Amino acid sequence: MMTPILRTALLAAALACPSLLRAQSCTLAPADRAWIQSALDGWQHASGESLRQGARPLPWIVLFDTACAWHLNPAADAGLAATSETFRFDGNDVPVRSLVHQGKVWIPNGDTVPAQGLAFAAPRGDRGETFFVMALVPVWKRDPRNASDPDPEQLFHAVFVHEMTHTLQVAAVGRVLDRLSARDTLPADMTDDLIQNRFGERDGFRAAYEAERDLLFAAATATDNATARTLARRALDAARARRARFFTGPDSVYGAVEDIFLAMEGPAQWAAYRVMQRRADLSVGDQDVLARLRRGGRWWSQDEGLALFLVIDKLLPGWQSRVLSREPASVWALLDEATR
């Protein structure tokens, strides 16, 4: 579920498929076909109703099983085989093409990825276009860590929405990273686990992070806004103290890096939470949905990011246009505004 953050300087999209990936006949299993349409329906609701993005076209989407990949809304000159599969999004037909992958899935930047459980969004070329790649549910089920999940179809609907949210963010994040790298040396391992990996074992960091995260979740679930603001202000003060203590000297760049990942992962997790809420059985409460999405809080930027945007959405409605924009707002500035 983790998203590699790829720079805008990646290769321009290679639109001709490698000859070794010869197009053959591919057929979707009925369950996978139904899941894809349901995922598209979920994204239409999430992007329009939750993220307030209006009628945005789909990016180039690559979905794959153990044998074939299906390219939804690919570039017209991509050279992919026509297929009889049909899907709908926002009242329109979605162009679909297929490709046998032989264990290596060709993706729109000209590279290949292994046919295993993965999902990520990335830039395509230098014109602000994006693409999204994700394994279908049967591929994820081959991983023992997912085999026992009680409702994998619902869980991976949330993954789909999470990564599709990133397609709205990749171009802006690339510009922020470009500016940051012009004045600071960025680490090579720029993933959303960077802060967790770099600082998680430093004395006092984990305890400080967990304290502010727990305050944020308490604010998010508070029954009245006054209590929520009080708890969120305490979380903000704690976060400022942590950042002032650890992000100094040679590590000062990590303050900006943390901001980037929280601003990416927070809205994506929040949108995933909203779609899981919407699809949950009536007998399942919000706390159960939240616990299932958090999966033990293993990924810090996703977990604190979710807490931040649950609070921001509660106290500062209309944040979407400020975060999903060409110049994304700081999450800490939004939280400061929300608690005043």
Protein backbone atom coordinates (compact mmCIF):
# COMPACT_ATOMS: atom_id res chain seq x y z
CA MET A 1 0.00 0.00 0.00
CA MET A 2 2.95 2.33 0.32
CA THR A 3 3.46 4.84 -2.49
CA PRO A 4 6.90 5.52 -4.00
CA ILE A 5 7.26 9.27 -4.56
CA LEU A 6 8.71 9.61 -8.02
CA ARG A 7 10.22 12.86 -9.27
CA THR A 8 8.81 14.80 -12.23
CA ALA A 9 12.14 14.28 -13.95
CA LEU A 10 11.27 10.62 -14.62
CA LEU A 11 11.51 9.33 -18.16
CA ALA A 12 8.95 10.68 -20.59
CA ALA A 13 6.27 8.11 -21.29
CA ALA A 14 7.38 5.39 -23.68
CA LEU A 15 4.30 4.81 -25.78
CA ALA A 16 5.47 1.79 -27.74
CA CYS A 17 5.30 -1.49 -25.79
CA PRO A 18 8.40 -3.71 -25.80
CA SER A 19 8.14 -6.29 -28.53
CA LEU A 20 8.64 -9.16 -26.10
CA LEU A 21 5.29 -8.25 -24.48
CA ARG A 22 3.32 -9.44 -27.49
CA ALA A 23 -0.38 -8.66 -27.17
CA GLN A 24 -2.54 -11.79 -26.89
CA SER A 25 -6.07 -12.55 -25.82
CA CYS A 26 -6.86 -11.59 -22.22
CA THR A 27 -10.12 -12.25 -20.41
CA LEU A 28 -11.11 -10.81 -17.05
CA ALA A 29 -12.70 -13.08 -14.47
CA PRO A 30 -16.29 -11.98 -13.77
CA ALA A 31 -15.43 -11.16 -10.14
CA ASP A 32 -12.52 -8.96 -11.23
CA ARG A 33 -14.67 -7.23 -13.82
CA ALA A 34 -17.30 -6.45 -11.18
CA TRP A 35 -14.62 -5.25 -8.73
CA ILE A 36 -13.11 -2.86 -11.28
CA GLN A 37 -16.47 -1.28 -12.09
CA SER A 38 -17.24 -0.97 -8.39
CA ALA A 39 -13.83 0.63 -7.79
CA LEU A 40 -14.46 3.15 -10.56
CA ASP A 41 -17.87 3.94 -9.08
CA GLY A 42 -16.27 4.41 -5.68
CA TRP A 43 -13.66 6.76 -7.10
CA GLN A 44 -16.30 8.79 -8.90
CA HIS A 45 -18.06 9.34 -5.57
CA ALA A 46 -14.84 9.97 -3.64
CA SER A 47 -13.37 12.42 -6.13
CA GLY A 48 -16.62 14.29 -6.61
CA GLU A 49 -18.33 14.22 -3.23
CA SER A 50 -15.48 13.79 -0.74
CA LEU A 51 -12.54 15.47 -2.47
CA ARG A 52 -14.73 17.97 -4.39
CA GLN A 53 -12.76 17.72 -7.60
CA GLY A 54 -15.67 17.91 -10.00
CA ALA A 55 -15.70 16.04 -13.30
CA ARG A 56 -12.04 15.07 -13.70
CA PRO A 57 -11.10 12.53 -16.39
CA LEU A 58 -9.47 9.28 -15.37
CA PRO A 59 -5.70 9.02 -15.59
CA TRP A 60 -4.10 6.10 -17.41
CA ILE A 61 -4.84 3.13 -15.10
CA VAL A 62 -3.04 -0.23 -15.24
CA LEU A 63 -4.70 -3.13 -13.41
CA PHE A 64 -3.28 -6.64 -13.58
CA ASP A 65 -3.89 -10.23 -12.53
CA THR A 66 -1.49 -13.18 -12.69
CA ALA A 67 -1.45 -13.28 -16.50
CA CYS A 68 -2.65 -10.03 -18.07
CA ALA A 69 -2.76 -6.29 -17.57
CA TRP A 70 -5.70 -4.09 -18.47
CA HIS A 71 -5.00 -0.47 -19.40
CA LEU A 72 -7.94 1.84 -18.75
CA ASN A 73 -7.95 5.17 -20.56
CA PRO A 74 -4.48 4.68 -22.10
CA ALA A 75 -2.88 7.07 -24.55
CA ALA A 76 -4.48 6.61 -27.96
CA ASP A 77 -1.17 5.73 -29.62
CA ALA A 78 0.02 3.29 -26.93
CA GLY A 79 -0.09 0.33 -29.30
CA LEU A 80 -2.05 -1.93 -26.95
CA ALA A 81 -4.41 -4.69 -28.03
CA ALA A 82 -8.10 -3.93 -28.24
CA THR A 83 -10.37 -5.81 -25.85
CA SER A 84 -14.06 -6.46 -25.55
CA GLU A 85 -14.05 -5.39 -21.88
CA THR A 86 -16.20 -2.33 -21.13
CA PHE A 87 -16.36 -0.04 -18.12
CA ARG A 88 -18.15 3.20 -17.33
CA PHE A 89 -17.01 6.29 -15.45
CA ASP A 90 -19.00 9.46 -14.93
CA GLY A 91 -21.53 8.38 -17.55
CA ASN A 92 -18.96 7.67 -20.27
CA ASP A 93 -17.36 4.56 -21.71
CA VAL A 94 -13.78 3.94 -20.56
CA PRO A 95 -11.33 2.81 -23.28
CA VAL A 96 -9.77 -0.52 -22.29
CA ARG A 97 -6.75 -2.31 -23.77
CA SER A 98 -5.01 -5.50 -22.66
CA LEU A 99 -1.52 -6.96 -22.59
CA VAL A 100 -0.06 -10.31 -21.50
CA HIS A 101 2.61 -9.50 -18.92
CA GLN A 102 4.61 -12.75 -18.44
CA GLY A 103 5.39 -11.79 -14.84
CA LYS A 104 6.62 -8.26 -15.67
CA VAL A 105 3.93 -5.63 -16.10
CA TRP A 106 4.70 -2.86 -18.60
CA ILE A 107 3.76 0.58 -17.25
CA PRO A 108 3.28 3.94 -18.98
CA ASN A 109 6.73 5.40 -18.22
CA GLY A 110 8.30 2.59 -20.26
CA ASP A 111 9.43 0.56 -17.24
CA THR A 112 8.14 -2.77 -15.92
CA VAL A 113 7.09 -3.84 -12.41
CA PRO A 114 6.76 -7.37 -10.98
CA ALA A 115 3.30 -8.92 -11.08
CA GLN A 116 2.80 -8.89 -7.33
CA GLY A 117 0.74 -7.00 -4.78
CA LEU A 118 1.50 -3.33 -5.36
CA ALA A 119 -0.25 -0.03 -5.98
CA PHE A 120 1.23 3.36 -6.81
CA ALA A 121 0.69 6.58 -8.73
CA ALA A 122 3.43 8.36 -10.64
CA PRO A 123 4.01 11.17 -13.15
CA ARG A 124 4.02 10.40 -16.86
CA GLY A 125 6.16 12.72 -18.92
CA ASP A 126 6.66 16.39 -18.16
CA ARG A 127 3.18 17.80 -18.85
CA GLY A 128 1.60 17.07 -15.49
CA GLU A 129 0.00 13.79 -16.59
CA THR A 130 -0.11 10.83 -14.21
CA PHE A 131 -0.71 7.12 -14.25
CA PHE A 132 -1.81 4.58 -11.66
CA VAL A 133 -0.81 0.91 -11.34
CA MET A 134 -2.48 -1.67 -9.09
CA ALA A 135 -2.70 -5.43 -8.73
CA LEU A 136 -6.18 -6.93 -8.78
CA VAL A 137 -7.52 -8.61 -5.64
CA PRO A 138 -6.50 -12.22 -6.55
CA VAL A 139 -2.86 -11.10 -6.78
CA TRP A 140 -3.02 -9.47 -3.35
CA LYS A 141 -4.60 -12.61 -1.89
CA ARG A 142 -1.49 -14.61 -2.81
CA ASP A 143 0.36 -12.71 -0.08
CA PRO A 144 -0.22 -14.55 3.25
CA ARG A 145 -0.53 -11.19 5.02
CA ASN A 146 -3.75 -10.52 3.07
CA ALA A 147 -5.15 -14.03 2.83
CA SER A 148 -7.02 -13.84 6.13
CA ASP A 149 -8.59 -10.43 5.58
CA PRO A 150 -12.35 -10.72 6.15
CA ASP A 151 -13.30 -8.49 3.20
CA PRO A 152 -10.38 -7.98 0.81
CA GLU A 153 -12.60 -6.52 -1.90
CA GLN A 154 -13.58 -3.65 0.39
CA LEU A 155 -10.02 -3.17 1.68
CA PHE A 156 -8.61 -2.88 -1.82
CA HIS A 157 -11.37 -0.52 -2.86
CA ALA A 158 -9.86 1.72 -0.17
CA VAL A 159 -6.38 1.15 -1.61
CA PHE A 160 -7.70 2.08 -5.06
CA VAL A 161 -9.16 5.36 -3.78
CA HIS A 162 -6.01 6.11 -1.77
CA GLU A 163 -3.73 5.79 -4.78
CA MET A 164 -6.14 7.52 -7.14
CA THR A 165 -6.07 10.47 -4.74
CA HIS A 166 -2.31 10.55 -5.27
CA THR A 167 -2.87 11.01 -9.02
CA LEU A 168 -4.36 14.41 -8.10
CA GLN A 169 -1.25 15.28 -6.08
CA VAL A 170 1.77 13.98 -7.99
CA ALA A 171 2.36 17.03 -10.18
CA ALA A 172 2.16 19.52 -7.30
CA VAL A 173 4.36 17.37 -5.08
CA GLY A 174 6.93 17.14 -7.86
CA ARG A 175 7.13 20.93 -8.03
CA VAL A 176 7.57 21.16 -4.26
CA LEU A 177 10.33 18.56 -4.35
CA ASP A 178 12.06 20.34 -7.21
CA ARG A 179 12.15 23.58 -5.21
CA LEU A 180 13.32 21.78 -2.10
CA SER A 181 16.10 19.91 -3.91
CA ALA A 182 17.34 23.19 -5.41
CA ARG A 183 18.32 24.40 -1.95
CA ASP A 184 18.85 21.18 0.05
CA THR A 185 20.26 17.72 -0.57
CA LEU A 186 17.38 15.29 -0.40
CA PRO A 187 17.84 11.68 0.71
CA ALA A 188 17.77 8.98 -1.94
CA ASP A 189 15.08 6.97 -0.15
CA MET A 190 12.23 9.43 -0.66
CA THR A 191 9.26 7.31 0.32
CA ASP A 192 6.42 7.98 2.70
CA ASP A 193 8.20 5.89 5.36
CA LEU A 194 11.25 8.14 5.36
CA ILE A 195 10.62 9.95 8.67
CA GLN A 196 9.65 6.71 10.39
CA ASN A 197 12.77 4.95 9.12
CA ARG A 198 15.18 7.82 9.84
CA PHE A 199 13.91 8.94 13.23
CA GLY A 200 11.90 6.04 14.65
CA GLU A 201 14.77 4.72 16.77
CA ARG A 202 16.05 8.08 17.98
CA ASP A 203 15.58 8.58 21.69
CA GLY A 204 12.23 10.25 22.39
CA PHE A 205 11.01 10.57 18.79
CA ARG A 206 8.58 7.65 18.73
CA ALA A 207 7.02 8.61 22.08
CA ALA A 208 6.60 12.22 20.95
CA TYR A 209 5.07 11.19 17.63
CA GLU A 210 2.66 8.73 19.25
CA ALA A 211 1.54 11.28 21.84
CA GLU A 212 0.59 13.88 19.21
CA ARG A 213 -1.00 11.23 16.97
CA ASP A 214 -3.16 9.95 19.83
CA LEU A 215 -4.26 13.49 20.68
CA LEU A 216 -5.29 14.00 17.06
CA PHE A 217 -7.37 10.82 16.97
CA ALA A 218 -8.97 11.84 20.28
CA ALA A 219 -9.83 15.22 18.73
CA ALA A 220 -11.24 13.52 15.65
CA THR A 221 -13.61 11.41 17.73
CA ALA A 222 -14.58 14.10 20.25
CA THR A 223 -18.32 14.62 20.48
CA ASP A 224 -18.16 18.41 20.41
CA ASN A 225 -16.01 20.87 18.51
CA ALA A 226 -14.81 22.76 21.58
CA THR A 227 -13.22 19.61 22.98
CA ALA A 228 -11.89 18.73 19.54
CA ARG A 229 -10.19 22.13 19.24
CA THR A 230 -8.63 21.84 22.70
CA LEU A 231 -7.20 18.39 21.96
CA ALA A 232 -6.06 19.38 18.48
CA ARG A 233 -4.29 22.47 19.84
CA ARG A 234 -2.44 20.26 22.33
CA ALA A 235 -1.45 17.97 19.45
CA LEU A 236 -0.22 20.94 17.42
CA ASP A 237 1.86 22.25 20.33
CA ALA A 238 3.33 18.76 20.82
CA ALA A 239 4.15 18.46 17.12
CA ARG A 240 5.87 21.85 17.10
CA ALA A 241 7.98 20.82 20.10
CA ARG A 242 8.93 17.52 18.45
CA ARG A 243 9.85 19.16 15.17
CA ALA A 244 11.89 21.88 16.92
CA ARG A 245 13.80 19.21 18.84
CA PHE A 246 14.59 16.78 16.01
CA PHE A 247 14.49 18.69 12.72
CA THR A 248 17.50 20.94 13.33
CA GLY A 249 20.95 21.45 11.83
CA PRO A 250 21.69 18.85 9.14
CA ASP A 251 18.24 17.34 9.79
CA SER A 252 16.33 20.57 9.25
CA VAL A 253 15.27 19.50 5.74
CA TYR A 254 13.20 16.70 7.24
CA GLY A 255 10.65 19.18 8.54
CA ALA A 256 9.73 20.04 4.96
CA VAL A 257 9.90 16.38 3.95
CA GLU A 258 7.47 15.42 6.73
CA ASP A 259 5.11 18.19 5.58
CA ILE A 260 5.12 16.78 2.04
CA PHE A 261 4.28 13.23 3.07
CA LEU A 262 1.59 14.21 5.58
CA ALA A 263 -0.05 16.42 2.94
CA MET A 264 0.00 13.49 0.50
CA GLU A 265 -0.90 10.57 2.73
CA GLY A 266 -3.45 12.38 4.89
CA PRO A 267 -5.99 13.24 2.18
CA ALA A 268 -5.49 9.85 0.51
CA GLN A 269 -6.17 7.97 3.76
CA TRP A 270 -9.09 10.26 4.56
CA ALA A 271 -10.65 9.57 1.15
CA ALA A 272 -10.07 5.83 1.65
CA TYR A 273 -11.75 6.05 5.05
CA ARG A 274 -14.75 7.79 3.54
CA VAL A 275 -15.18 5.10 0.88
CA MET A 276 -14.84 2.34 3.50
CA GLN A 277 -17.49 4.10 5.61
CA ARG A 278 -19.79 4.24 2.62
CA ARG A 279 -19.36 0.58 1.76
CA ALA A 280 -19.45 -0.78 5.32
CA ASP A 281 -22.25 -3.01 6.51
CA LEU A 282 -24.75 -1.13 8.66
CA SER A 283 -23.73 -3.27 11.65
CA VAL A 284 -20.12 -2.00 11.42
CA GLY A 285 -19.40 1.18 13.37
CA ASP A 286 -17.08 4.00 12.33
CA GLN A 287 -14.49 2.98 14.94
CA ASP A 288 -14.31 -0.51 13.42
CA VAL A 289 -13.86 0.96 9.94
CA LEU A 290 -11.17 3.28 11.25
CA ALA A 291 -9.33 0.46 13.02
CA ARG A 292 -9.42 -1.69 9.90
CA LEU A 293 -7.99 1.06 7.73
CA ARG A 294 -5.26 1.94 10.23
CA ARG A 295 -4.08 -1.70 10.39
CA GLY A 296 -2.31 -1.16 13.66
CA GLY A 297 -0.82 2.20 12.74
CA ARG A 298 2.20 0.55 11.10
CA TRP A 299 2.82 3.37 8.63
CA TRP A 300 3.35 6.64 10.46
CA SER A 301 2.76 9.17 7.71
CA GLN A 302 -0.48 7.46 6.72
CA ASP A 303 -1.67 7.13 10.29
CA GLU A 304 -0.90 10.65 11.50
CA GLY A 305 -1.94 12.03 8.13
CA LEU A 306 -5.35 10.37 8.51
CA ALA A 307 -5.71 11.77 12.04
CA LEU A 308 -4.77 15.26 10.84
CA PHE A 309 -7.36 15.31 8.08
CA LEU A 310 -10.09 13.80 10.21
CA VAL A 311 -9.58 16.78 12.53
CA ILE A 312 -9.16 19.33 9.74
CA ASP A 313 -12.31 18.09 8.01
CA LYS A 314 -14.19 18.28 11.32
CA LEU A 315 -13.11 21.83 12.17
CA LEU A 316 -12.19 23.44 8.85
CA PRO A 317 -14.63 22.41 6.10
CA GLY A 318 -13.63 23.21 2.53
CA TRP A 319 -9.95 22.34 2.94
CA GLN A 320 -9.93 20.27 -0.26
CA SER A 321 -9.32 23.16 -2.67
CA ARG A 322 -6.39 24.34 -0.55
CA VAL A 323 -4.66 20.97 -0.30
CA LEU A 324 -5.40 19.49 -3.73
CA SER A 325 -4.02 22.50 -5.54
CA ARG A 326 -0.99 23.62 -7.49
CA GLU A 327 0.51 24.96 -4.25
CA PRO A 328 -0.71 22.69 -1.42
CA ALA A 329 -1.30 24.33 1.95
CA SER A 330 0.78 23.25 4.96
CA VAL A 331 -1.04 20.71 7.11
CA TRP A 332 0.27 22.40 10.25
CA ALA A 333 -0.97 25.80 9.07
CA LEU A 334 -4.39 24.28 8.41
CA LEU A 335 -4.44 22.67 11.84
CA ASP A 336 -3.42 25.97 13.43
CA GLU A 337 -6.29 27.71 11.62
CA ALA A 338 -8.73 24.95 12.57
CA THR A 339 -7.95 25.29 16.28
CA ARG A 340 -8.36 29.06 16.57
